[in-house]
Amino acid sequence: MKGLSTSVIAVVCTLVAGAVQADDSKCDTVKMADPGWSDIAATNAVARVLLEGAGYQVKVDALAVPIIYGGLKDGLVDAFLGNWMPAQQGFHDKFVASGEVERLARNLEGTEFTLAVPEYVWTSGVKDFADLHKRAGEFDSKLYGIGSGAPANLSLQSIIDKNEFNLGGWKLVESSEQAMLAQVQRAVKREKPIVFLGWTRTR
């Protein structure tokens, strides 16, 4: 899949590298959101330290991505640090391009999400999306994704719906990131084939 970048999305409060600018009457408490992703938990934690150091209270709610964007528009969420582009292009076009939500800054570049397999599956010959359908039975024809509504899942479901790489008969298993990784861990212990949503770090 294509390379991605993440950016900071906000409505009321502006967070800028090491400085916080906010309307005190509106932002005594800064409301942020976490769709259950490890990277956002980390960036939210950094933002919390900066904000609390500046005298603000921080509230982080666990929400699905579509709800987060709606919350940004309605003022129920002040900042979202996980706008993955172009994966979230649809939300960007609906809320950011219309001016209802403001995109502030890019905080990560060069990342990528794609399907991944454990090393023992890779060495056994599954090195491309096109290799999966040949061994569908070994994988129970299942792709393990993250939370329902996540743009990454939508991309995987689109591959299935369009029968790309002959994956039309496969099923996307949606769960939280933590549940997906727990499933991967169980499979690895038994060296059982599994394919799941993975992502790369910046280089």
N, C-alpha and C. Protein backbone atom coordinates (compact mmCIF):
# COMPACT_ATOMS: atom_id res chain seq x y z
N MET A 1 0.83 -1.17 0.00
CA MET A 1 0.00 0.00 0.00
C MET A 1 0.88 1.24 0.00
N LYS A 2 0.28 2.36 -0.32
CA LYS A 2 1.04 3.59 -0.48
C LYS A 2 1.58 4.10 0.84
N GLY A 3 2.68 4.88 0.74
CA GLY A 3 3.25 5.52 1.90
C GLY A 3 2.26 6.50 2.50
N LEU A 4 2.35 6.69 3.81
CA LEU A 4 1.40 7.52 4.51
C LEU A 4 2.12 8.60 5.30
N SER A 5 1.37 9.61 5.68
CA SER A 5 1.87 10.58 6.63
C SER A 5 0.77 10.81 7.65
N THR A 6 1.15 11.22 8.85
CA THR A 6 0.14 11.53 9.85
C THR A 6 0.22 13.00 10.17
N SER A 7 -0.91 13.55 10.54
CA SER A 7 -0.93 14.96 10.86
C SER A 7 -1.83 15.23 12.04
N VAL A 8 -1.70 16.43 12.57
CA VAL A 8 -2.47 16.86 13.71
C VAL A 8 -3.73 17.56 13.21
N ILE A 9 -4.87 17.12 13.70
CA ILE A 9 -6.16 17.71 13.35
C ILE A 9 -6.74 18.33 14.61
N ALA A 10 -7.25 19.54 14.51
CA ALA A 10 -7.84 20.18 15.68
C ALA A 10 -8.89 21.19 15.29
N VAL A 11 -9.70 21.57 16.26
CA VAL A 11 -10.71 22.60 16.03
C VAL A 11 -10.45 23.82 16.90
N VAL A 12 -10.35 23.61 18.21
CA VAL A 12 -10.28 24.73 19.13
C VAL A 12 -8.85 25.05 19.54
N CYS A 13 -8.10 24.02 19.88
CA CYS A 13 -6.77 24.24 20.45
C CYS A 13 -5.69 24.00 19.41
N THR A 14 -4.67 24.81 19.40
CA THR A 14 -3.56 24.67 18.48
C THR A 14 -2.33 24.22 19.24
N LEU A 15 -1.82 23.02 18.91
CA LEU A 15 -0.61 22.51 19.53
C LEU A 15 0.52 22.66 18.53
N VAL A 16 1.56 23.38 18.90
CA VAL A 16 2.67 23.61 17.99
C VAL A 16 3.96 23.30 18.72
N ALA A 17 4.73 22.33 18.18
CA ALA A 17 6.05 21.93 18.67
C ALA A 17 6.55 22.69 19.88
N GLY A 18 6.25 22.20 21.04
CA GLY A 18 6.80 22.77 22.26
C GLY A 18 6.00 23.93 22.81
N ALA A 19 4.98 24.40 22.11
CA ALA A 19 4.19 25.53 22.60
C ALA A 19 2.72 25.20 22.48
N VAL A 20 1.94 25.76 23.36
CA VAL A 20 0.50 25.54 23.33
C VAL A 20 -0.19 26.89 23.26
N GLN A 21 -1.09 27.04 22.29
CA GLN A 21 -1.86 28.25 22.17
C GLN A 21 -3.33 27.87 22.24
N ALA A 22 -4.06 28.45 23.16
CA ALA A 22 -5.47 28.09 23.28
C ALA A 22 -6.27 29.23 23.87
N ASP A 23 -7.55 29.22 23.62
CA ASP A 23 -8.50 30.13 24.23
C ASP A 23 -8.86 29.55 25.58
N ASP A 24 -8.38 30.19 26.67
CA ASP A 24 -8.56 29.64 28.00
C ASP A 24 -10.03 29.38 28.33
N SER A 25 -10.92 30.20 27.82
CA SER A 25 -12.33 30.04 28.14
C SER A 25 -12.91 28.77 27.53
N LYS A 26 -12.29 28.27 26.49
CA LYS A 26 -12.80 27.08 25.82
C LYS A 26 -11.98 25.84 26.10
N CYS A 27 -10.73 26.01 26.52
CA CYS A 27 -9.81 24.88 26.59
C CYS A 27 -9.21 24.67 27.97
N ASP A 28 -9.97 24.89 29.04
CA ASP A 28 -9.47 24.51 30.35
C ASP A 28 -9.16 23.02 30.35
N THR A 29 -10.01 22.28 29.69
CA THR A 29 -9.78 20.84 29.48
C THR A 29 -9.68 20.60 27.98
N VAL A 30 -8.58 20.00 27.55
CA VAL A 30 -8.38 19.68 26.14
C VAL A 30 -8.85 18.26 25.91
N LYS A 31 -9.82 18.11 25.02
CA LYS A 31 -10.42 16.80 24.75
C LYS A 31 -9.75 16.19 23.51
N MET A 32 -9.11 15.04 23.68
CA MET A 32 -8.45 14.35 22.58
C MET A 32 -9.10 12.98 22.40
N ALA A 33 -8.72 12.30 21.33
CA ALA A 33 -9.33 11.01 21.02
C ALA A 33 -8.26 9.98 20.67
N ASP A 34 -8.58 8.72 20.95
CA ASP A 34 -7.69 7.60 20.68
C ASP A 34 -8.52 6.47 20.08
N PRO A 35 -8.24 6.10 18.82
CA PRO A 35 -8.99 5.00 18.21
C PRO A 35 -8.48 3.62 18.61
N GLY A 36 -7.58 3.57 19.60
CA GLY A 36 -7.06 2.29 20.07
C GLY A 36 -5.78 1.87 19.38
N TRP A 37 -5.03 2.84 18.85
CA TRP A 37 -3.78 2.54 18.15
C TRP A 37 -2.60 2.87 19.04
N SER A 38 -1.57 2.01 19.03
CA SER A 38 -0.40 2.21 19.88
C SER A 38 0.31 3.52 19.59
N ASP A 39 0.42 3.88 18.31
CA ASP A 39 1.15 5.10 17.98
C ASP A 39 0.42 6.34 18.50
N ILE A 40 -0.92 6.32 18.46
CA ILE A 40 -1.67 7.47 18.95
C ILE A 40 -1.61 7.54 20.47
N ALA A 41 -1.57 6.39 21.13
CA ALA A 41 -1.42 6.39 22.59
C ALA A 41 -0.12 7.10 22.97
N ALA A 42 0.94 6.85 22.18
CA ALA A 42 2.23 7.48 22.47
C ALA A 42 2.20 8.98 22.20
N THR A 43 1.64 9.38 21.04
CA THR A 43 1.61 10.82 20.73
C THR A 43 0.67 11.57 21.66
N ASN A 44 -0.45 10.93 22.03
CA ASN A 44 -1.35 11.56 23.00
C ASN A 44 -0.66 11.75 24.34
N ALA A 45 0.18 10.77 24.73
CA ALA A 45 0.89 10.87 26.01
C ALA A 45 1.85 12.04 26.01
N VAL A 46 2.56 12.25 24.88
CA VAL A 46 3.47 13.38 24.77
C VAL A 46 2.69 14.69 24.85
N ALA A 47 1.58 14.75 24.11
CA ALA A 47 0.74 15.95 24.12
C ALA A 47 0.21 16.23 25.53
N ARG A 48 -0.16 15.16 26.24
CA ARG A 48 -0.67 15.33 27.61
C ARG A 48 0.38 15.99 28.51
N VAL A 49 1.63 15.51 28.42
CA VAL A 49 2.70 16.07 29.24
C VAL A 49 2.88 17.57 28.94
N LEU A 50 2.87 17.92 27.65
CA LEU A 50 3.04 19.32 27.27
C LEU A 50 1.87 20.18 27.74
N LEU A 51 0.66 19.67 27.54
CA LEU A 51 -0.53 20.43 27.91
C LEU A 51 -0.66 20.59 29.42
N GLU A 52 -0.46 19.50 30.15
CA GLU A 52 -0.56 19.59 31.60
C GLU A 52 0.54 20.47 32.17
N GLY A 53 1.71 20.47 31.53
CA GLY A 53 2.79 21.36 31.95
C GLY A 53 2.43 22.82 31.74
N ALA A 54 1.54 23.09 30.78
CA ALA A 54 1.09 24.45 30.51
C ALA A 54 -0.15 24.81 31.32
N GLY A 55 -0.61 23.89 32.18
CA GLY A 55 -1.71 24.21 33.06
C GLY A 55 -3.08 23.72 32.63
N TYR A 56 -3.14 22.93 31.57
CA TYR A 56 -4.43 22.43 31.09
C TYR A 56 -4.69 21.02 31.62
N GLN A 57 -5.95 20.68 31.71
CA GLN A 57 -6.35 19.31 31.97
C GLN A 57 -6.55 18.61 30.63
N VAL A 58 -6.34 17.30 30.61
CA VAL A 58 -6.45 16.55 29.35
C VAL A 58 -7.41 15.38 29.55
N LYS A 59 -8.31 15.22 28.61
CA LYS A 59 -9.25 14.10 28.62
C LYS A 59 -9.11 13.37 27.29
N VAL A 60 -8.86 12.07 27.33
CA VAL A 60 -8.71 11.27 26.12
C VAL A 60 -9.82 10.22 26.08
N ASP A 61 -10.64 10.25 25.03
CA ASP A 61 -11.72 9.29 24.88
C ASP A 61 -11.36 8.27 23.80
N ALA A 62 -11.72 7.02 24.03
CA ALA A 62 -11.54 5.96 23.03
C ALA A 62 -12.73 5.99 22.08
N LEU A 63 -12.48 6.33 20.82
CA LEU A 63 -13.54 6.49 19.83
C LEU A 63 -13.11 5.94 18.49
N ALA A 64 -14.06 5.50 17.69
CA ALA A 64 -13.78 5.06 16.32
C ALA A 64 -13.50 6.29 15.46
N VAL A 65 -12.73 6.11 14.39
CA VAL A 65 -12.31 7.23 13.55
C VAL A 65 -13.49 8.06 13.02
N PRO A 66 -14.55 7.46 12.48
CA PRO A 66 -15.66 8.29 11.99
C PRO A 66 -16.27 9.16 13.08
N ILE A 67 -16.36 8.62 14.31
CA ILE A 67 -16.92 9.37 15.42
C ILE A 67 -15.98 10.49 15.83
N ILE A 68 -14.68 10.25 15.74
CA ILE A 68 -13.70 11.29 16.08
C ILE A 68 -13.88 12.50 15.17
N TYR A 69 -13.99 12.27 13.87
CA TYR A 69 -14.14 13.39 12.95
C TYR A 69 -15.45 14.14 13.19
N GLY A 70 -16.51 13.39 13.47
CA GLY A 70 -17.77 14.04 13.80
C GLY A 70 -17.64 14.86 15.08
N GLY A 71 -16.90 14.33 16.05
CA GLY A 71 -16.66 15.05 17.30
C GLY A 71 -15.85 16.32 17.09
N LEU A 72 -14.88 16.27 16.19
CA LEU A 72 -14.11 17.47 15.86
C LEU A 72 -15.02 18.54 15.27
N LYS A 73 -15.89 18.14 14.38
CA LYS A 73 -16.80 19.08 13.74
C LYS A 73 -17.75 19.71 14.76
N ASP A 74 -18.22 18.91 15.71
CA ASP A 74 -19.22 19.37 16.67
C ASP A 74 -18.62 19.98 17.93
N GLY A 75 -17.27 20.00 18.01
CA GLY A 75 -16.64 20.59 19.19
C GLY A 75 -16.55 19.67 20.38
N LEU A 76 -16.84 18.39 20.19
CA LEU A 76 -16.76 17.43 21.29
C LEU A 76 -15.35 16.86 21.44
N VAL A 77 -14.54 17.01 20.40
CA VAL A 77 -13.13 16.61 20.42
C VAL A 77 -12.33 17.82 19.96
N ASP A 78 -11.26 18.17 20.71
CA ASP A 78 -10.45 19.33 20.36
C ASP A 78 -9.30 18.99 19.42
N ALA A 79 -8.71 17.81 19.60
CA ALA A 79 -7.53 17.47 18.80
C ALA A 79 -7.45 15.97 18.55
N PHE A 80 -7.04 15.62 17.35
CA PHE A 80 -6.81 14.22 16.96
C PHE A 80 -5.45 14.15 16.31
N LEU A 81 -4.57 13.34 16.87
CA LEU A 81 -3.18 13.28 16.41
C LEU A 81 -2.92 12.12 15.47
N GLY A 82 -3.98 11.54 14.91
CA GLY A 82 -3.80 10.35 14.08
C GLY A 82 -4.45 10.44 12.72
N ASN A 83 -4.33 11.56 12.05
CA ASN A 83 -4.88 11.70 10.70
C ASN A 83 -3.92 11.09 9.69
N TRP A 84 -4.13 9.81 9.37
CA TRP A 84 -3.25 9.11 8.43
C TRP A 84 -3.71 9.42 7.00
N MET A 85 -2.79 9.97 6.23
CA MET A 85 -3.10 10.31 4.84
C MET A 85 -2.22 9.47 3.91
N PRO A 86 -2.73 9.01 2.78
CA PRO A 86 -4.06 9.31 2.24
C PRO A 86 -5.17 8.35 2.70
N ALA A 87 -4.88 7.51 3.70
CA ALA A 87 -5.87 6.53 4.12
C ALA A 87 -7.17 7.18 4.60
N GLN A 88 -7.08 8.37 5.19
CA GLN A 88 -8.26 9.05 5.70
C GLN A 88 -8.71 10.17 4.76
N GLN A 89 -8.39 10.03 3.48
CA GLN A 89 -8.72 11.08 2.51
C GLN A 89 -10.21 11.40 2.50
N GLY A 90 -11.05 10.37 2.65
CA GLY A 90 -12.49 10.60 2.64
C GLY A 90 -12.94 11.51 3.77
N PHE A 91 -12.39 11.28 4.96
CA PHE A 91 -12.73 12.13 6.10
C PHE A 91 -12.16 13.53 5.90
N HIS A 92 -10.93 13.58 5.35
CA HIS A 92 -10.30 14.88 5.07
C HIS A 92 -11.18 15.69 4.13
N ASP A 93 -11.63 15.07 3.06
CA ASP A 93 -12.43 15.78 2.06
C ASP A 93 -13.76 16.24 2.65
N LYS A 94 -14.32 15.43 3.53
CA LYS A 94 -15.63 15.76 4.09
C LYS A 94 -15.57 16.86 5.14
N PHE A 95 -14.56 16.79 6.01
CA PHE A 95 -14.52 17.70 7.15
C PHE A 95 -13.47 18.81 7.04
N VAL A 96 -12.28 18.47 6.53
CA VAL A 96 -11.20 19.45 6.48
C VAL A 96 -11.38 20.38 5.29
N ALA A 97 -11.62 19.81 4.11
CA ALA A 97 -11.77 20.64 2.92
C ALA A 97 -12.95 21.60 3.04
N SER A 98 -13.95 21.21 3.83
CA SER A 98 -15.13 22.07 4.00
C SER A 98 -14.88 23.19 5.00
N GLY A 99 -13.75 23.12 5.74
CA GLY A 99 -13.44 24.14 6.72
C GLY A 99 -14.02 23.87 8.10
N GLU A 100 -14.74 22.76 8.27
CA GLU A 100 -15.34 22.45 9.57
C GLU A 100 -14.30 21.97 10.56
N VAL A 101 -13.21 21.38 10.05
CA VAL A 101 -12.11 20.88 10.87
C VAL A 101 -10.82 21.41 10.26
N GLU A 102 -9.86 21.77 11.10
CA GLU A 102 -8.60 22.35 10.60
C GLU A 102 -7.45 21.36 10.73
N ARG A 103 -6.72 21.21 9.65
CA ARG A 103 -5.50 20.40 9.67
C ARG A 103 -4.34 21.34 9.99
N LEU A 104 -3.60 21.03 11.05
CA LEU A 104 -2.60 21.96 11.55
C LEU A 104 -1.18 21.68 11.08
N ALA A 105 -0.72 20.45 11.23
CA ALA A 105 0.69 20.17 10.94
C ALA A 105 0.89 18.69 10.68
N ARG A 106 1.95 18.36 9.99
CA ARG A 106 2.34 16.97 9.76
C ARG A 106 3.37 16.59 10.81
N ASN A 107 3.13 15.47 11.50
CA ASN A 107 4.07 15.09 12.57
C ASN A 107 4.83 13.79 12.30
N LEU A 108 4.56 13.15 11.16
CA LEU A 108 5.25 11.91 10.83
C LEU A 108 5.16 11.71 9.33
N GLU A 109 6.24 11.22 8.74
CA GLU A 109 6.25 11.06 7.28
C GLU A 109 6.99 9.78 6.90
N GLY A 110 6.55 9.17 5.79
CA GLY A 110 7.26 8.01 5.26
C GLY A 110 6.81 6.69 5.82
N THR A 111 5.70 6.67 6.57
CA THR A 111 5.21 5.42 7.12
C THR A 111 4.33 4.70 6.11
N GLU A 112 4.02 3.44 6.40
CA GLU A 112 3.24 2.64 5.46
C GLU A 112 2.51 1.55 6.23
N PHE A 113 1.25 1.30 5.86
CA PHE A 113 0.60 0.10 6.39
C PHE A 113 0.30 -0.85 5.24
N THR A 114 0.33 -2.12 5.55
CA THR A 114 0.16 -3.15 4.53
C THR A 114 -0.18 -4.46 5.22
N LEU A 115 -0.40 -5.51 4.46
CA LEU A 115 -0.57 -6.83 5.05
C LEU A 115 0.80 -7.36 5.45
N ALA A 116 0.82 -8.07 6.56
CA ALA A 116 2.08 -8.61 7.08
C ALA A 116 1.88 -10.06 7.50
N VAL A 117 2.97 -10.82 7.48
CA VAL A 117 2.97 -12.20 7.96
C VAL A 117 4.18 -12.41 8.84
N PRO A 118 4.15 -13.39 9.74
CA PRO A 118 5.34 -13.71 10.54
C PRO A 118 6.49 -14.18 9.63
N GLU A 119 7.69 -14.12 10.16
CA GLU A 119 8.87 -14.47 9.36
C GLU A 119 8.80 -15.90 8.83
N TYR A 120 8.30 -16.85 9.63
CA TYR A 120 8.25 -18.24 9.18
C TYR A 120 7.28 -18.42 8.01
N VAL A 121 6.26 -17.57 7.94
CA VAL A 121 5.35 -17.62 6.80
C VAL A 121 6.01 -17.01 5.57
N TRP A 122 6.75 -15.93 5.78
CA TRP A 122 7.50 -15.28 4.69
C TRP A 122 8.50 -16.26 4.08
N THR A 123 9.26 -16.92 4.93
CA THR A 123 10.29 -17.84 4.42
C THR A 123 9.67 -19.07 3.75
N SER A 124 8.42 -19.36 4.06
CA SER A 124 7.76 -20.51 3.44
C SER A 124 7.22 -20.17 2.05
N GLY A 125 7.33 -18.88 1.65
CA GLY A 125 6.97 -18.52 0.29
C GLY A 125 5.86 -17.50 0.12
N VAL A 126 5.28 -17.03 1.21
CA VAL A 126 4.23 -15.99 1.11
C VAL A 126 4.93 -14.63 1.21
N LYS A 127 5.24 -14.07 0.05
CA LYS A 127 6.00 -12.83 0.01
C LYS A 127 5.28 -11.70 -0.71
N ASP A 128 4.05 -11.96 -1.12
CA ASP A 128 3.30 -10.95 -1.87
C ASP A 128 1.81 -11.22 -1.66
N PHE A 129 0.99 -10.18 -1.83
CA PHE A 129 -0.46 -10.37 -1.71
C PHE A 129 -0.92 -11.52 -2.61
N ALA A 130 -0.34 -11.60 -3.79
CA ALA A 130 -0.76 -12.60 -4.78
C ALA A 130 -0.46 -14.03 -4.34
N ASP A 131 0.40 -14.21 -3.34
CA ASP A 131 0.73 -15.55 -2.86
C ASP A 131 -0.33 -16.10 -1.91
N LEU A 132 -1.19 -15.22 -1.38
CA LEU A 132 -2.11 -15.63 -0.33
C LEU A 132 -3.18 -16.62 -0.81
N HIS A 133 -3.79 -16.33 -1.97
CA HIS A 133 -4.92 -17.15 -2.39
C HIS A 133 -4.52 -18.59 -2.67
N LYS A 134 -3.24 -18.81 -3.02
CA LYS A 134 -2.77 -20.16 -3.30
C LYS A 134 -2.80 -21.03 -2.04
N ARG A 135 -2.76 -20.39 -0.88
CA ARG A 135 -2.71 -21.12 0.39
C ARG A 135 -3.83 -20.66 1.32
N ALA A 136 -4.97 -20.33 0.71
CA ALA A 136 -6.10 -19.79 1.48
C ALA A 136 -6.50 -20.69 2.64
N GLY A 137 -6.49 -22.00 2.42
CA GLY A 137 -6.91 -22.93 3.46
C GLY A 137 -6.06 -22.84 4.71
N GLU A 138 -4.77 -22.61 4.53
CA GLU A 138 -3.86 -22.52 5.68
C GLU A 138 -4.19 -21.30 6.54
N PHE A 139 -4.71 -20.24 5.90
CA PHE A 139 -5.04 -19.00 6.60
C PHE A 139 -6.53 -18.92 6.97
N ASP A 140 -7.28 -19.97 6.70
CA ASP A 140 -8.74 -19.94 6.89
C ASP A 140 -9.38 -18.79 6.12
N SER A 141 -8.71 -18.36 5.09
CA SER A 141 -9.19 -17.24 4.24
C SER A 141 -9.56 -16.02 5.08
N LYS A 142 -8.72 -15.70 6.07
CA LYS A 142 -8.99 -14.57 6.95
C LYS A 142 -7.84 -13.56 6.95
N LEU A 143 -8.20 -12.29 6.85
CA LEU A 143 -7.26 -11.19 7.03
C LEU A 143 -7.62 -10.53 8.36
N TYR A 144 -6.66 -10.38 9.25
CA TYR A 144 -6.94 -9.79 10.56
C TYR A 144 -6.64 -8.29 10.53
N GLY A 145 -7.68 -7.50 10.79
CA GLY A 145 -7.54 -6.05 10.81
C GLY A 145 -7.68 -5.50 12.20
N ILE A 146 -7.83 -4.15 12.25
CA ILE A 146 -7.97 -3.48 13.54
C ILE A 146 -9.43 -3.11 13.74
N GLY A 147 -9.70 -2.02 14.47
CA GLY A 147 -11.06 -1.66 14.85
C GLY A 147 -11.97 -1.34 13.67
N SER A 148 -13.24 -1.68 13.83
CA SER A 148 -14.24 -1.41 12.80
C SER A 148 -14.29 0.07 12.48
N GLY A 149 -14.35 0.40 11.19
CA GLY A 149 -14.41 1.80 10.76
C GLY A 149 -13.06 2.41 10.48
N ALA A 150 -11.97 1.73 10.84
CA ALA A 150 -10.64 2.26 10.58
C ALA A 150 -10.37 2.32 9.08
N PRO A 151 -9.78 3.40 8.58
CA PRO A 151 -9.48 3.49 7.15
C PRO A 151 -8.65 2.33 6.62
N ALA A 152 -7.76 1.81 7.44
CA ALA A 152 -6.95 0.66 7.01
C ALA A 152 -7.84 -0.54 6.72
N ASN A 153 -8.82 -0.76 7.58
CA ASN A 153 -9.76 -1.86 7.34
C ASN A 153 -10.56 -1.63 6.07
N LEU A 154 -10.96 -0.39 5.83
CA LEU A 154 -11.72 -0.08 4.62
C LEU A 154 -10.89 -0.42 3.38
N SER A 155 -9.59 -0.17 3.44
CA SER A 155 -8.71 -0.50 2.32
C SER A 155 -8.65 -2.00 2.10
N LEU A 156 -8.55 -2.76 3.19
CA LEU A 156 -8.52 -4.22 3.08
C LEU A 156 -9.85 -4.76 2.55
N GLN A 157 -10.95 -4.20 3.05
CA GLN A 157 -12.26 -4.66 2.58
C GLN A 157 -12.46 -4.35 1.11
N SER A 158 -11.91 -3.23 0.66
CA SER A 158 -11.99 -2.88 -0.76
C SER A 158 -11.26 -3.91 -1.62
N ILE A 159 -10.11 -4.38 -1.15
CA ILE A 159 -9.37 -5.42 -1.87
C ILE A 159 -10.22 -6.68 -2.01
N ILE A 160 -10.91 -7.04 -0.92
CA ILE A 160 -11.77 -8.23 -0.94
C ILE A 160 -12.95 -8.01 -1.89
N ASP A 161 -13.60 -6.88 -1.76
CA ASP A 161 -14.80 -6.60 -2.56
C ASP A 161 -14.49 -6.58 -4.06
N LYS A 162 -13.29 -6.11 -4.41
CA LYS A 162 -12.90 -6.02 -5.81
C LYS A 162 -12.20 -7.27 -6.31
N ASN A 163 -12.05 -8.26 -5.42
CA ASN A 163 -11.36 -9.51 -5.74
C ASN A 163 -9.94 -9.26 -6.25
N GLU A 164 -9.31 -8.25 -5.70
CA GLU A 164 -7.92 -8.01 -6.07
C GLU A 164 -7.05 -9.12 -5.49
N PHE A 165 -6.04 -9.52 -6.24
CA PHE A 165 -5.12 -10.60 -5.84
C PHE A 165 -5.87 -11.91 -5.56
N ASN A 166 -7.06 -12.08 -6.17
CA ASN A 166 -7.89 -13.27 -5.97
C ASN A 166 -8.29 -13.48 -4.50
N LEU A 167 -8.51 -12.38 -3.79
CA LEU A 167 -8.88 -12.46 -2.38
C LEU A 167 -10.38 -12.25 -2.17
N GLY A 168 -11.16 -12.38 -3.22
CA GLY A 168 -12.59 -12.13 -3.13
C GLY A 168 -13.33 -13.03 -2.15
N GLY A 169 -12.84 -14.22 -1.92
CA GLY A 169 -13.51 -15.14 -1.01
C GLY A 169 -13.03 -15.04 0.43
N TRP A 170 -12.15 -14.10 0.71
CA TRP A 170 -11.58 -13.97 2.05
C TRP A 170 -12.49 -13.12 2.94
N LYS A 171 -12.25 -13.21 4.24
CA LYS A 171 -13.03 -12.45 5.22
C LYS A 171 -12.10 -11.56 6.03
N LEU A 172 -12.53 -10.30 6.24
CA LEU A 172 -11.79 -9.39 7.09
C LEU A 172 -12.29 -9.55 8.53
N VAL A 173 -11.39 -9.88 9.43
CA VAL A 173 -11.74 -10.00 10.85
C VAL A 173 -11.39 -8.69 11.53
N GLU A 174 -12.41 -7.94 11.94
CA GLU A 174 -12.20 -6.64 12.57
C GLU A 174 -12.21 -6.78 14.09
N SER A 175 -11.23 -6.17 14.73
CA SER A 175 -11.16 -6.17 16.19
C SER A 175 -10.26 -4.99 16.59
N SER A 176 -9.99 -4.85 17.85
CA SER A 176 -9.07 -3.80 18.27
C SER A 176 -7.65 -4.17 17.86
N GLU A 177 -6.78 -3.17 17.83
CA GLU A 177 -5.37 -3.45 17.52
C GLU A 177 -4.80 -4.45 18.52
N GLN A 178 -5.14 -4.27 19.81
CA GLN A 178 -4.61 -5.16 20.84
C GLN A 178 -5.10 -6.59 20.64
N ALA A 179 -6.38 -6.75 20.26
CA ALA A 179 -6.91 -8.09 20.03
C ALA A 179 -6.27 -8.72 18.81
N MET A 180 -6.04 -7.92 17.77
CA MET A 180 -5.38 -8.43 16.57
C MET A 180 -3.98 -8.93 16.91
N LEU A 181 -3.22 -8.13 17.65
CA LEU A 181 -1.86 -8.53 17.99
C LEU A 181 -1.84 -9.74 18.92
N ALA A 182 -2.84 -9.87 19.78
CA ALA A 182 -2.94 -11.06 20.63
C ALA A 182 -3.18 -12.30 19.78
N GLN A 183 -4.02 -12.16 18.75
CA GLN A 183 -4.27 -13.27 17.83
C GLN A 183 -2.99 -13.66 17.09
N VAL A 184 -2.23 -12.66 16.68
CA VAL A 184 -0.95 -12.91 16.01
C VAL A 184 0.00 -13.64 16.95
N GLN A 185 0.05 -13.19 18.20
CA GLN A 185 0.94 -13.82 19.17
C GLN A 185 0.59 -15.29 19.37
N ARG A 186 -0.70 -15.59 19.45
CA ARG A 186 -1.12 -17.00 19.62
C ARG A 186 -0.71 -17.83 18.41
N ALA A 187 -0.88 -17.25 17.21
CA ALA A 187 -0.50 -17.98 15.99
C ALA A 187 0.99 -18.22 15.93
N VAL A 188 1.77 -17.22 16.33
CA VAL A 188 3.24 -17.34 16.27
C VAL A 188 3.72 -18.43 17.22
N LYS A 189 3.11 -18.53 18.39
CA LYS A 189 3.52 -19.56 19.35
C LYS A 189 3.37 -20.96 18.77
N ARG A 190 2.37 -21.13 17.90
CA ARG A 190 2.12 -22.43 17.29
C ARG A 190 2.67 -22.52 15.87
N GLU A 191 3.33 -21.44 15.44
CA GLU A 191 3.83 -21.32 14.07
C GLU A 191 2.72 -21.62 13.06
N LYS A 192 1.55 -21.05 13.32
CA LYS A 192 0.41 -21.20 12.44
C LYS A 192 0.37 -20.01 11.47
N PRO A 193 0.06 -20.25 10.19
CA PRO A 193 -0.01 -19.13 9.23
C PRO A 193 -1.07 -18.11 9.64
N ILE A 194 -0.72 -16.84 9.55
CA ILE A 194 -1.65 -15.76 9.82
C ILE A 194 -1.22 -14.53 9.03
N VAL A 195 -2.17 -13.78 8.53
CA VAL A 195 -1.88 -12.54 7.81
C VAL A 195 -2.70 -11.43 8.46
N PHE A 196 -2.06 -10.30 8.70
CA PHE A 196 -2.68 -9.25 9.50
C PHE A 196 -2.20 -7.88 9.03
N LEU A 197 -2.85 -6.86 9.55
CA LEU A 197 -2.46 -5.49 9.20
C LEU A 197 -1.20 -5.11 9.96
N GLY A 198 -0.18 -4.72 9.21
CA GLY A 198 1.07 -4.28 9.84
C GLY A 198 1.46 -2.91 9.33
N TRP A 199 2.40 -2.29 9.98
CA TRP A 199 2.83 -0.97 9.54
C TRP A 199 4.33 -0.82 9.79
N THR A 200 4.94 0.01 9.00
CA THR A 200 6.38 0.22 9.08
C THR A 200 6.67 1.54 9.75
N ARG A 201 7.84 1.65 10.33
CA ARG A 201 8.27 2.91 10.91
C ARG A 201 8.95 3.76 9.86
N THR A 202 9.15 5.02 10.18
CA THR A 202 9.85 5.91 9.25
C THR A 202 11.33 5.54 9.23
N ARG A 203 11.96 5.87 8.13
CA ARG A 203 13.38 5.53 7.99
C ARG A 203 14.21 6.79 7.89
